Amino acid sequence: MDYSTLKSVIEGILFVSGEEGITVKTIAEVVEIDTEVISNVLYDLQKDYTRKGRGLRVAEVAGGFRLTTVAEHAVYFEKLAYSPSRSALSQAALETLSIIAYRQPITRVEIEEIRGVKADRALHTLVAKDLIEEKGRADAVGRPILYGTTKAFLDYFGLPGIKSLPEPAISESDDELEERTKLLFERIEGRQLSMEDMERELEST
């Protein structure tokens, strides 16, 4: 593998690793190349992103590397997350939230194993809306982030506590996620509560 291809592969690995990031050692094991070479490529990527004024950065966080947005652009991401056209939770976000609510604390990989698809975008949305937060890190390779629900989640669904989540009428099966998602959706419809309503409620308390 030539240097240009290796650089491209590592960039892709950073992307699919999501918020948890990935260690130099893990990348080296995946591409079967010495860790020193991997470190050099990562630092080269860092310089590329900074020098070219890109909207992403290669950040070193908690012993690993991950792709992040530029801090100075945060105000625009907040506008996007809270814009009226994006206030309602998508089906993907609601499914992801259901998994986290009933199985927290849980990692991104575990969520994706249950849903069968990538969960990065849904997780970003839920974090931006303050419905989930980091609850620590799992004792596993790469120390992945553990996600759990927030107080805002309880306010959004009108729950006094996490133990008050509605219980599915069916047993553990392939249909359980669908049932739990339906229960949360019905909870939203019952309250007719939008993200803007929730923000106003929180501000008034």
C-alpha atoms as a PDB file:
ATOM      1  CA  MET A   1       0.000   0.000   0.000  1.00  0.00           C
ATOM      2  CA  ASP A   2       1.498   3.361  -1.003  1.00  0.00           C
ATOM      3  CA  TYR A   3       1.508   6.366   1.339  1.00  0.00           C
ATOM      4  CA  SER A   4      -1.347   8.189  -0.395  1.00  0.00           C
ATOM      5  CA  THR A   5      -3.611   5.141  -0.193  1.00  0.00           C
ATOM      6  CA  LEU A   6      -2.680   4.532   3.449  1.00  0.00           C
ATOM      7  CA  LYS A   7      -3.529   8.128   4.263  1.00  0.00           C
ATOM      8  CA  SER A   8      -6.901   7.773   2.561  1.00  0.00           C
ATOM      9  CA  VAL A   9      -7.651   4.503   4.363  1.00  0.00           C
ATOM     10  CA  ILE A  10      -6.806   5.987   7.772  1.00  0.00           C
ATOM     11  CA  GLU A  11      -8.994   9.017   7.053  1.00  0.00           C
ATOM     12  CA  GLY A  12     -11.865   6.633   6.322  1.00  0.00           C
ATOM     13  CA  ILE A  13     -11.173   4.669   9.504  1.00  0.00           C
ATOM     14  CA  LEU A  14     -11.368   7.894  11.526  1.00  0.00           C
ATOM     15  CA  PHE A  15     -14.717   8.689   9.916  1.00  0.00           C
ATOM     16  CA  VAL A  16     -16.333   5.312  10.655  1.00  0.00           C
ATOM     17  CA  SER A  17     -14.928   5.292  14.207  1.00  0.00           C
ATOM     18  CA  GLY A  18     -17.258   8.165  15.090  1.00  0.00           C
ATOM     19  CA  GLU A  19     -17.154  10.075  18.374  1.00  0.00           C
ATOM     20  CA  GLU A  20     -15.335   7.308  20.242  1.00  0.00           C
ATOM     21  CA  GLY A  21     -12.288   7.753  18.059  1.00  0.00           C
ATOM     22  CA  ILE A  22      -9.628   5.095  17.630  1.00  0.00           C
ATOM     23  CA  THR A  23      -6.130   4.485  18.960  1.00  0.00           C
ATOM     24  CA  VAL A  24      -2.942   4.351  16.918  1.00  0.00           C
ATOM     25  CA  LYS A  25      -2.492   0.743  18.031  1.00  0.00           C
ATOM     26  CA  THR A  26      -5.918  -0.292  16.751  1.00  0.00           C
ATOM     27  CA  ILE A  27      -5.370   1.409  13.382  1.00  0.00           C
ATOM     28  CA  ALA A  28      -1.984  -0.308  13.107  1.00  0.00           C
ATOM     29  CA  GLU A  29      -3.610  -3.689  13.757  1.00  0.00           C
ATOM     30  CA  VAL A  30      -6.301  -3.053  11.144  1.00  0.00           C
ATOM     31  CA  VAL A  31      -3.952  -1.964   8.350  1.00  0.00           C
ATOM     32  CA  GLU A  32      -1.064  -4.185   9.547  1.00  0.00           C
ATOM     33  CA  ILE A  33       1.484  -1.385   9.552  1.00  0.00           C
ATOM     34  CA  ASP A  34       3.879  -0.194  12.274  1.00  0.00           C
ATOM     35  CA  THR A  35       2.455   2.248  14.850  1.00  0.00           C
ATOM     36  CA  GLU A  36       5.180   4.810  14.160  1.00  0.00           C
ATOM     37  CA  VAL A  37       4.084   5.039  10.525  1.00  0.00           C
ATOM     38  CA  ILE A  38       0.441   5.383  11.605  1.00  0.00           C
ATOM     39  CA  SER A  39       1.337   8.221  13.981  1.00  0.00           C
ATOM     40  CA  ASN A  40       3.155  10.053  11.198  1.00  0.00           C
ATOM     41  CA  VAL A  41       0.157   9.707   8.870  1.00  0.00           C
ATOM     42  CA  LEU A  42      -2.217  10.995  11.554  1.00  0.00           C
ATOM     43  CA  TYR A  43      -0.100  14.059  12.228  1.00  0.00           C
ATOM     44  CA  ASP A  44       0.182  14.609   8.479  1.00  0.00           C
ATOM     45  CA  LEU A  45      -3.623  14.497   8.227  1.00  0.00           C
ATOM     46  CA  GLN A  46      -3.879  16.979  11.089  1.00  0.00           C
ATOM     47  CA  LYS A  47      -1.687  19.425   9.177  1.00  0.00           C
ATOM     48  CA  ASP A  48      -3.655  18.883   5.959  1.00  0.00           C
ATOM     49  CA  TYR A  49      -6.995  19.721   7.572  1.00  0.00           C
ATOM     50  CA  THR A  50      -5.609  22.802   9.314  1.00  0.00           C
ATOM     51  CA  ARG A  51      -3.614  24.104   6.368  1.00  0.00           C
ATOM     52  CA  LYS A  52      -6.451  23.771   3.866  1.00  0.00           C
ATOM     53  CA  GLY A  53      -9.004  25.501   6.099  1.00  0.00           C
ATOM     54  CA  ARG A  54     -11.322  22.482   6.117  1.00  0.00           C
ATOM     55  CA  GLY A  55     -14.430  22.226   8.298  1.00  0.00           C
ATOM     56  CA  LEU A  56     -13.076  19.156  10.067  1.00  0.00           C
ATOM     57  CA  ARG A  57     -10.047  18.490  12.236  1.00  0.00           C
ATOM     58  CA  VAL A  58      -8.181  15.361  13.295  1.00  0.00           C
ATOM     59  CA  ALA A  59      -8.206  15.680  17.072  1.00  0.00           C
ATOM     60  CA  GLU A  60      -6.295  13.665  19.662  1.00  0.00           C
ATOM     61  CA  VAL A  61      -8.690  12.920  22.527  1.00  0.00           C
ATOM     62  CA  ALA A  62      -8.379  10.532  25.489  1.00  0.00           C
ATOM     63  CA  GLY A  63      -5.485   8.623  23.960  1.00  0.00           C
ATOM     64  CA  GLY A  64      -7.134   8.215  20.578  1.00  0.00           C
ATOM     65  CA  PHE A  65      -7.805  10.149  17.383  1.00  0.00           C
ATOM     66  CA  ARG A  66     -11.134  11.216  15.878  1.00  0.00           C
ATOM     67  CA  LEU A  67     -12.600  13.587  13.324  1.00  0.00           C
ATOM     68  CA  THR A  68     -14.194  16.666  14.891  1.00  0.00           C
ATOM     69  CA  THR A  69     -15.752  19.875  13.617  1.00  0.00           C
ATOM     70  CA  VAL A  70     -14.061  23.245  14.005  1.00  0.00           C
ATOM     71  CA  ALA A  71     -14.960  24.787  17.371  1.00  0.00           C
ATOM     72  CA  GLU A  72     -15.488  28.236  15.839  1.00  0.00           C
ATOM     73  CA  HIS A  73     -18.310  26.823  13.700  1.00  0.00           C
ATOM     74  CA  ALA A  74     -20.344  25.503  16.659  1.00  0.00           C
ATOM     75  CA  VAL A  75     -22.897  28.325  16.486  1.00  0.00           C
ATOM     76  CA  TYR A  76     -23.984  27.170  13.015  1.00  0.00           C
ATOM     77  CA  PHE A  77     -24.365  23.556  14.108  1.00  0.00           C
ATOM     78  CA  GLU A  78     -26.540  24.674  17.019  1.00  0.00           C
ATOM     79  CA  LYS A  79     -28.768  26.631  14.628  1.00  0.00           C
ATOM     80  CA  LEU A  80     -29.108  23.533  12.457  1.00  0.00           C
ATOM     81  CA  ALA A  81     -29.899  21.259  15.399  1.00  0.00           C
ATOM     82  CA  TYR A  82     -32.577  23.556  16.784  1.00  0.00           C
ATOM     83  CA  SER A  83     -34.059  24.902  13.556  1.00  0.00           C
ATOM     84  CA  PRO A  84     -37.870  24.470  13.306  1.00  0.00           C
ATOM     85  CA  SER A  85     -37.541  22.203  10.288  1.00  0.00           C
ATOM     86  CA  ARG A  86     -35.437  19.785  12.354  1.00  0.00           C
ATOM     87  CA  SER A  87     -37.286  19.966  15.659  1.00  0.00           C
ATOM     88  CA  ALA A  88     -39.087  16.652  15.319  1.00  0.00           C
ATOM     89  CA  LEU A  89     -37.095  13.507  15.949  1.00  0.00           C
ATOM     90  CA  SER A  90     -36.549  11.345  12.878  1.00  0.00           C
ATOM     91  CA  GLN A  91     -37.407   7.653  12.910  1.00  0.00           C
ATOM     92  CA  ALA A  92     -33.687   6.814  13.088  1.00  0.00           C
ATOM     93  CA  ALA A  93     -33.142   9.181  16.023  1.00  0.00           C
ATOM     94  CA  LEU A  94     -36.208   7.867  17.840  1.00  0.00           C
ATOM     95  CA  GLU A  95     -35.107   4.247  17.359  1.00  0.00           C
ATOM     96  CA  THR A  96     -31.632   5.098  18.635  1.00  0.00           C
ATOM     97  CA  LEU A  97     -33.100   6.972  21.589  1.00  0.00           C
ATOM     98  CA  SER A  98     -35.330   3.987  22.408  1.00  0.00           C
ATOM     99  CA  ILE A  99     -32.336   1.667  22.520  1.00  0.00           C
ATOM    100  CA  ILE A 100     -30.381   4.033  24.758  1.00  0.00           C
ATOM    101  CA  ALA A 101     -33.332   4.683  27.066  1.00  0.00           C
ATOM    102  CA  TYR A 102     -34.044   1.005  27.698  1.00  0.00           C
ATOM    103  CA  ARG A 103     -30.481  -0.359  27.635  1.00  0.00           C
ATOM    104  CA  GLN A 104     -28.309   2.432  29.013  1.00  0.00           C
ATOM    105  CA  PRO A 105     -25.440   2.775  29.467  1.00  0.00           C
ATOM    106  CA  ILE A 106     -24.643   1.541  25.963  1.00  0.00           C
ATOM    107  CA  THR A 107     -21.951   2.099  23.321  1.00  0.00           C
ATOM    108  CA  ARG A 108     -22.380   3.194  19.715  1.00  0.00           C
ATOM    109  CA  VAL A 109     -21.250  -0.220  18.459  1.00  0.00           C
ATOM    110  CA  GLU A 110     -23.855  -1.986  20.605  1.00  0.00           C
ATOM    111  CA  ILE A 111     -26.547   0.382  19.294  1.00  0.00           C
ATOM    112  CA  GLU A 112     -25.510  -0.334  15.704  1.00  0.00           C
ATOM    113  CA  GLU A 113     -25.566  -4.096  16.339  1.00  0.00           C
ATOM    114  CA  ILE A 114     -29.187  -3.786  17.479  1.00  0.00           C
ATOM    115  CA  ARG A 115     -30.316  -1.428  14.691  1.00  0.00           C
ATOM    116  CA  GLY A 116     -28.221  -3.023  11.970  1.00  0.00           C
ATOM    117  CA  VAL A 117     -27.153   0.377  10.582  1.00  0.00           C
ATOM    118  CA  LYS A 118     -24.767   3.205  11.473  1.00  0.00           C
ATOM    119  CA  ALA A 119     -25.895   5.410  14.343  1.00  0.00           C
ATOM    120  CA  ASP A 120     -23.446   8.339  14.175  1.00  0.00           C
ATOM    121  CA  ARG A 121     -25.883  10.891  12.748  1.00  0.00           C
ATOM    122  CA  ALA A 122     -28.670   9.928  15.148  1.00  0.00           C
ATOM    123  CA  LEU A 123     -26.294  10.139  18.107  1.00  0.00           C
ATOM    124  CA  HIS A 124     -25.088  13.595  17.021  1.00  0.00           C
ATOM    125  CA  THR A 125     -28.696  14.768  16.782  1.00  0.00           C
ATOM    126  CA  LEU A 126     -29.633  13.399  20.192  1.00  0.00           C
ATOM    127  CA  VAL A 127     -26.542  14.884  21.856  1.00  0.00           C
ATOM    128  CA  ALA A 128     -27.218  18.258  20.194  1.00  0.00           C
ATOM    129  CA  LYS A 129     -30.789  18.196  21.507  1.00  0.00           C
ATOM    130  CA  ASP A 130     -29.498  17.301  24.995  1.00  0.00           C
ATOM    131  CA  LEU A 131     -31.536  14.088  25.077  1.00  0.00           C
ATOM    132  CA  ILE A 132     -28.482  11.874  25.637  1.00  0.00           C
ATOM    133  CA  GLU A 133     -25.035  12.401  27.122  1.00  0.00           C
ATOM    134  CA  GLU A 134     -21.766  10.619  27.799  1.00  0.00           C
ATOM    135  CA  LYS A 135     -21.988   8.436  30.910  1.00  0.00           C
ATOM    136  CA  GLY A 136     -18.396   7.239  30.935  1.00  0.00           C
ATOM    137  CA  ARG A 137     -16.380   4.812  28.853  1.00  0.00           C
ATOM    138  CA  ALA A 138     -16.686   1.062  28.456  1.00  0.00           C
ATOM    139  CA  ASP A 139     -13.924  -1.242  29.626  1.00  0.00           C
ATOM    140  CA  ALA A 140     -13.245  -2.486  26.107  1.00  0.00           C
ATOM    141  CA  VAL A 141     -10.803  -1.964  23.248  1.00  0.00           C
ATOM    142  CA  GLY A 142     -10.634   1.730  22.391  1.00  0.00           C
ATOM    143  CA  ARG A 143     -12.575   2.691  25.548  1.00  0.00           C
ATOM    144  CA  PRO A 144     -15.801   3.502  23.626  1.00  0.00           C
ATOM    145  CA  ILE A 145     -18.209   6.130  24.964  1.00  0.00           C
ATOM    146  CA  LEU A 146     -21.171   4.920  26.999  1.00  0.00           C
ATOM    147  CA  TYR A 147     -24.394   6.824  26.290  1.00  0.00           C
ATOM    148  CA  GLY A 148     -27.338   7.424  28.586  1.00  0.00           C
ATOM    149  CA  THR A 149     -30.364   9.704  28.737  1.00  0.00           C
ATOM    150  CA  THR A 150     -30.502  13.152  30.364  1.00  0.00           C
ATOM    151  CA  LYS A 151     -32.888  15.107  32.580  1.00  0.00           C
ATOM    152  CA  ALA A 152     -34.042  16.859  29.399  1.00  0.00           C
ATOM    153  CA  PHE A 153     -35.053  13.427  28.063  1.00  0.00           C
ATOM    154  CA  LEU A 154     -37.311  12.908  31.079  1.00  0.00           C
ATOM    155  CA  ASP A 155     -38.782  16.396  30.613  1.00  0.00           C
ATOM    156  CA  TYR A 156     -39.305  15.805  26.882  1.00  0.00           C
ATOM    157  CA  PHE A 157     -41.274  12.600  27.486  1.00  0.00           C
ATOM    158  CA  GLY A 158     -42.953  13.763  30.687  1.00  0.00           C
ATOM    159  CA  LEU A 159     -41.384  11.041  32.828  1.00  0.00           C
ATOM    160  CA  PRO A 160     -40.634  11.383  36.565  1.00  0.00           C
ATOM    161  CA  GLY A 161     -37.727   8.960  36.227  1.00  0.00           C
ATOM    162  CA  ILE A 162     -36.177   6.399  33.912  1.00  0.00           C
ATOM    163  CA  LYS A 163     -38.006   3.575  35.727  1.00  0.00           C
ATOM    164  CA  SER A 164     -41.264   5.116  34.510  1.00  0.00           C
ATOM    165  CA  LEU A 165     -40.566   4.185  30.877  1.00  0.00           C
ATOM    166  CA  PRO A 166     -43.542   2.329  29.368  1.00  0.00           C
ATOM    167  CA  GLU A 167     -42.954  -1.421  29.217  1.00  0.00           C
ATOM    168  CA  PRO A 168     -43.429  -3.200  25.865  1.00  0.00           C
ATOM    169  CA  ALA A 169     -46.360  -5.600  25.743  1.00  0.00           C
ATOM    170  CA  ILE A 170     -44.205  -8.149  23.922  1.00  0.00           C
ATOM    171  CA  SER A 171     -41.279 -10.234  25.072  1.00  0.00           C
ATOM    172  CA  GLU A 172     -37.651  -9.882  23.982  1.00  0.00           C
ATOM    173  CA  SER A 173     -37.713 -10.358  20.202  1.00  0.00           C
ATOM    174  CA  ASP A 174     -36.904  -8.746  16.878  1.00  0.00           C
ATOM    175  CA  ASP A 175     -40.085  -6.683  17.276  1.00  0.00           C
ATOM    176  CA  GLU A 176     -39.136  -5.239  20.666  1.00  0.00           C
ATOM    177  CA  LEU A 177     -37.307  -2.218  19.241  1.00  0.00           C
ATOM    178  CA  GLU A 178     -40.300  -1.380  17.056  1.00  0.00           C
ATOM    179  CA  GLU A 179     -42.632  -1.691  20.054  1.00  0.00           C
ATOM    180  CA  ARG A 180     -40.473   0.485  22.289  1.00  0.00           C
ATOM    181  CA  THR A 181     -40.071   3.096  19.575  1.00  0.00           C
ATOM    182  CA  LYS A 182     -43.839   3.126  19.103  1.00  0.00           C
ATOM    183  CA  LEU A 183     -44.340   3.629  22.852  1.00  0.00           C
ATOM    184  CA  LEU A 184     -41.983   6.613  22.914  1.00  0.00           C
ATOM    185  CA  PHE A 185     -43.615   8.080  19.817  1.00  0.00           C
ATOM    186  CA  GLU A 186     -47.041   7.745  21.419  1.00  0.00           C
ATOM    187  CA  ARG A 187     -45.631   9.446  24.489  1.00  0.00           C
ATOM    188  CA  ILE A 188     -44.627  12.425  22.327  1.00  0.00           C
ATOM    189  CA  GLU A 189     -48.011  12.531  20.582  1.00  0.00           C
ATOM    190  CA  GLY A 190     -49.793  12.357  23.917  1.00  0.00           C
ATOM    191  CA  ARG A 191     -47.971  15.415  25.178  1.00  0.00           C
ATOM    192  CA  GLN A 192     -47.818  17.211  21.806  1.00  0.00           C
ATOM    193  CA  LEU A 193     -44.422  18.481  22.945  1.00  0.00           C
ATOM    194  CA  SER A 194     -41.954  19.869  20.407  1.00  0.00           C
ATOM    195  CA  MET A 195     -38.308  20.697  21.071  1.00  0.00           C
ATOM    196  CA  GLU A 196     -39.281  24.385  21.253  1.00  0.00           C
ATOM    197  CA  ASP A 197     -41.992  23.553  23.830  1.00  0.00           C
ATOM    198  CA  MET A 198     -39.453  21.660  25.888  1.00  0.00           C
ATOM    199  CA  GLU A 199     -36.987  24.542  25.784  1.00  0.00           C
ATOM    200  CA  ARG A 200     -39.698  26.947  26.953  1.00  0.00           C
ATOM    201  CA  GLU A 201     -40.661  24.578  29.765  1.00  0.00           C
ATOM    202  CA  LEU A 202     -37.067  24.291  30.938  1.00  0.00           C
ATOM    203  CA  GLU A 203     -36.582  28.066  30.820  1.00  0.00           C
ATOM    204  CA  SER A 204     -39.688  28.625  32.949  1.00  0.00           C
ATOM    205  CA  THR A 205     -38.580  26.232  35.711  1.00  0.00           C
END
